[in-house]
C-alpha atoms as a PDB file:
ATOM      1  CA  HIS A   1     -59.631  13.405 -37.286  1.00  0.00           C
ATOM      2  CA  GLU A   2     -59.663   9.660 -36.519  1.00  0.00           C
ATOM      3  CA  GLN A   3     -56.584   9.128 -38.649  1.00  0.00           C
ATOM      4  CA  LEU A   4     -54.742  11.935 -36.873  1.00  0.00           C
ATOM      5  CA  LEU A   5     -55.720  10.450 -33.525  1.00  0.00           C
ATOM      6  CA  LYS A   6     -54.484   7.027 -34.603  1.00  0.00           C
ATOM      7  CA  MET A   7     -51.166   8.517 -35.784  1.00  0.00           C
ATOM      8  CA  MET A   8     -50.810  10.315 -32.468  1.00  0.00           C
ATOM      9  CA  GLU A   9     -51.494   7.066 -30.572  1.00  0.00           C
ATOM     10  CA  GLU A  10     -48.877   5.243 -32.643  1.00  0.00           C
ATOM     11  CA  ARG A  11     -46.367   8.013 -32.007  1.00  0.00           C
ATOM     12  CA  MET A  12     -47.154   7.879 -28.300  1.00  0.00           C
ATOM     13  CA  MET A  13     -46.661   4.120 -28.240  1.00  0.00           C
ATOM     14  CA  ASP A  14     -43.384   4.531 -30.092  1.00  0.00           C
ATOM     15  CA  VAL A  15     -42.253   7.220 -27.659  1.00  0.00           C
ATOM     16  CA  GLU A  16     -43.276   5.070 -24.685  1.00  0.00           C
ATOM     17  CA  GLN A  17     -41.346   2.121 -26.095  1.00  0.00           C
ATOM     18  CA  LYS A  18     -38.275   4.310 -26.574  1.00  0.00           C
ATOM     19  CA  LEU A  19     -38.676   5.685 -23.060  1.00  0.00           C
ATOM     20  CA  ARG A  20     -38.833   2.149 -21.624  1.00  0.00           C
ATOM     21  CA  LEU A  21     -35.678   1.286 -23.545  1.00  0.00           C
ATOM     22  CA  VAL A  22     -33.921   4.403 -22.281  1.00  0.00           C
ATOM     23  CA  LYS A  23     -35.117   3.667 -18.745  1.00  0.00           C
ATOM     24  CA  ARG A  24     -33.744   0.098 -18.971  1.00  0.00           C
ATOM     25  CA  LEU A  25     -30.420   1.368 -20.331  1.00  0.00           C
ATOM     26  CA  LEU A  26     -30.213   3.971 -17.580  1.00  0.00           C
ATOM     27  CA  GLN A  27     -30.955   1.344 -14.943  1.00  0.00           C
ATOM     28  CA  GLU A  28     -28.178  -0.862 -16.339  1.00  0.00           C
ATOM     29  CA  LYS A  29     -25.819   2.119 -16.189  1.00  0.00           C
ATOM     30  CA  VAL A  30     -26.894   2.851 -12.593  1.00  0.00           C
ATOM     31  CA  ASN A  31     -26.189  -0.775 -11.679  1.00  0.00           C
ATOM     32  CA  GLN A  32     -22.755  -0.597 -13.341  1.00  0.00           C
ATOM     33  CA  LEU A  33     -21.944   2.614 -11.493  1.00  0.00           C
ATOM     34  CA  LYS A  34     -23.079   1.137  -8.168  1.00  0.00           C
ATOM     35  CA  GLU A  35     -20.845  -1.866  -8.770  1.00  0.00           C
ATOM     36  CA  GLN A  36     -17.938   0.404  -9.692  1.00  0.00           C
ATOM     37  CA  LEU A  37     -18.537   2.492  -6.565  1.00  0.00           C
ATOM     38  CA  SER A  38     -18.444  -0.656  -4.466  1.00  0.00           C
ATOM     39  CA  LYS A  39     -15.178  -1.736  -6.079  1.00  0.00           C
ATOM     40  CA  ASN A  40     -13.717   1.739  -5.628  1.00  0.00           C
ATOM     41  CA  THR A  41     -14.726   1.765  -1.967  1.00  0.00           C
ATOM     42  CA  LYS A  42     -13.007  -1.582  -1.421  1.00  0.00           C
ATOM     43  CA  ALA A  43      -9.922  -0.394  -3.310  1.00  0.00           C
ATOM     44  CA  ASP A  44      -9.855   2.795  -1.239  1.00  0.00           C
ATOM     45  CA  ALA A  45      -9.965   0.778   1.973  1.00  0.00           C
ATOM     46  CA  MET A  46      -7.145  -1.435   0.692  1.00  0.00           C
ATOM     47  CA  VAL A  47      -5.054   1.627  -0.199  1.00  0.00           C
ATOM     48  CA  LYS A  48      -5.581   3.028   3.295  1.00  0.00           C
ATOM     49  CA  ASP A  49      -4.605  -0.317   4.847  1.00  0.00           C
ATOM     50  CA  LEU A  50      -1.495  -0.470   2.659  1.00  0.00           C
ATOM     51  CA  TYR A  51      -0.612   3.106   3.621  1.00  0.00           C
ATOM     52  CA  VAL A  52      -0.815   2.223   7.322  1.00  0.00           C
ATOM     53  CA  GLU A  53       1.137  -1.007   6.777  1.00  0.00           C
ATOM     54  CA  ASN A  54       3.773   0.877   4.803  1.00  0.00           C
ATOM     55  CA  ALA A  55       4.171   3.403   7.628  1.00  0.00           C
ATOM     56  CA  GLN A  56       4.583   0.552  10.113  1.00  0.00           C
ATOM     57  CA  LEU A  57       7.160  -1.151   7.898  1.00  0.00           C
ATOM     58  CA  LEU A  58       9.099   2.086   7.490  1.00  0.00           C
ATOM     59  CA  LYS A  59       9.186   2.514  11.272  1.00  0.00           C
ATOM     60  CA  ALA A  60      10.316  -1.103  11.706  1.00  0.00           C
ATOM     61  CA  LEU A  61      13.020  -0.541   9.089  1.00  0.00           C
ATOM     62  CA  GLU A  62      14.177   2.593  10.889  1.00  0.00           C
ATOM     63  CA  VAL A  63      14.379   0.723  14.208  1.00  0.00           C
ATOM     64  CA  THR A  64      16.256  -2.148  12.536  1.00  0.00           C
ATOM     65  CA  GLU A  65      18.736   0.253  10.946  1.00  0.00           C
ATOM     66  CA  GLN A  66      19.321   1.928  14.317  1.00  0.00           C
ATOM     67  CA  ARG A  67      19.921  -1.471  15.924  1.00  0.00           C
ATOM     68  CA  GLN A  68      22.325  -2.408  13.143  1.00  0.00           C
ATOM     69  CA  LYS A  69      24.297   0.828  13.613  1.00  0.00           C
ATOM     70  CA  SER A  70      24.386   0.234  17.371  1.00  0.00           C
ATOM     71  CA  ALA A  71      25.583  -3.351  16.829  1.00  0.00           C
ATOM     72  CA  GLU A  72      28.255  -2.121  14.414  1.00  0.00           C
ATOM     73  CA  ARG A  73      29.475   0.430  16.986  1.00  0.00           C
ATOM     74  CA  LYS A  74      29.572  -2.214  19.718  1.00  0.00           C
ATOM     75  CA  ASN A  75      31.391  -4.585  17.364  1.00  0.00           C
ATOM     76  CA  TYR A  76      33.963  -1.886  16.569  1.00  0.00           C
ATOM     77  CA  LEU A  77      34.524  -1.203  20.283  1.00  0.00           C
ATOM     78  CA  LEU A  78      34.885  -4.935  20.992  1.00  0.00           C
ATOM     79  CA  GLU A  79      37.428  -5.264  18.167  1.00  0.00           C
ATOM     80  CA  GLU A  80      39.403  -2.376  19.658  1.00  0.00           C
ATOM     81  CA  LYS A  81      39.311  -4.027  23.088  1.00  0.00           C
ATOM     82  CA  ILE A  82      40.465  -7.340  21.577  1.00  0.00           C
ATOM     83  CA  ALA A  83      43.319  -5.569  19.795  1.00  0.00           C
ATOM     84  CA  ASN A  84      44.326  -3.850  23.064  1.00  0.00           C
ATOM     85  CA  LEU A  85      44.110  -7.123  24.986  1.00  0.00           C
ATOM     86  CA  ASN A  86      46.240  -8.850  22.320  1.00  0.00           C
ATOM     87  CA  ARG A  87      48.837  -6.082  22.673  1.00  0.00           C
ATOM     88  CA  ILE A  88      48.851  -6.484  26.461  1.00  0.00           C
ATOM     89  CA  VAL A  89      49.187 -10.285  26.191  1.00  0.00           C
ATOM     90  CA  LYS A  90      51.982  -9.875  23.642  1.00  0.00           C
ATOM     91  CA  ASN A  91      53.791  -7.451  25.913  1.00  0.00           C
ATOM     92  CA  LEU A  92      53.404  -9.769  28.915  1.00  0.00           C
ATOM     93  CA  ALA A  93      54.538 -12.798  26.947  1.00  0.00           C
ATOM     94  CA  SER A  94      57.599 -11.195  25.379  1.00  0.00           C
ATOM     95  CA  PRO A  95      60.818 -11.259  27.433  1.00  0.00           C
ATOM     96  CA  SER A  96      61.271  -7.732  28.666  1.00  0.00           C
ATOM     97  CA  PHE A  97      64.285  -8.335  30.915  1.00  0.00           C
ATOM     98  CA  GLY A  98      67.825  -8.180  29.596  1.00  0.00           C
ATOM     99  CA  PRO A  99      70.864 -10.420  30.118  1.00  0.00           C
END
């Protein structure tokens, strides 16, 4: 009976030692997961910031493209006016009266 009790105590000590090891390993894993969660949270915030910044840049690009098209239209109209003015000046400068 004593021997059986001693064997049971040794088994219990062995089981307790294994449980402490498992507990330590689980705690390490919990710490790793907490750290990963923190990193993921920061990455998520950065992604959201980049999404907002990207939307702002797309809007700025759209506005810039509209301004460029407007400037191109104005430039085209100015070139037409210059061509018309050159024609008028040419007509005024050329002798239009006969001998």
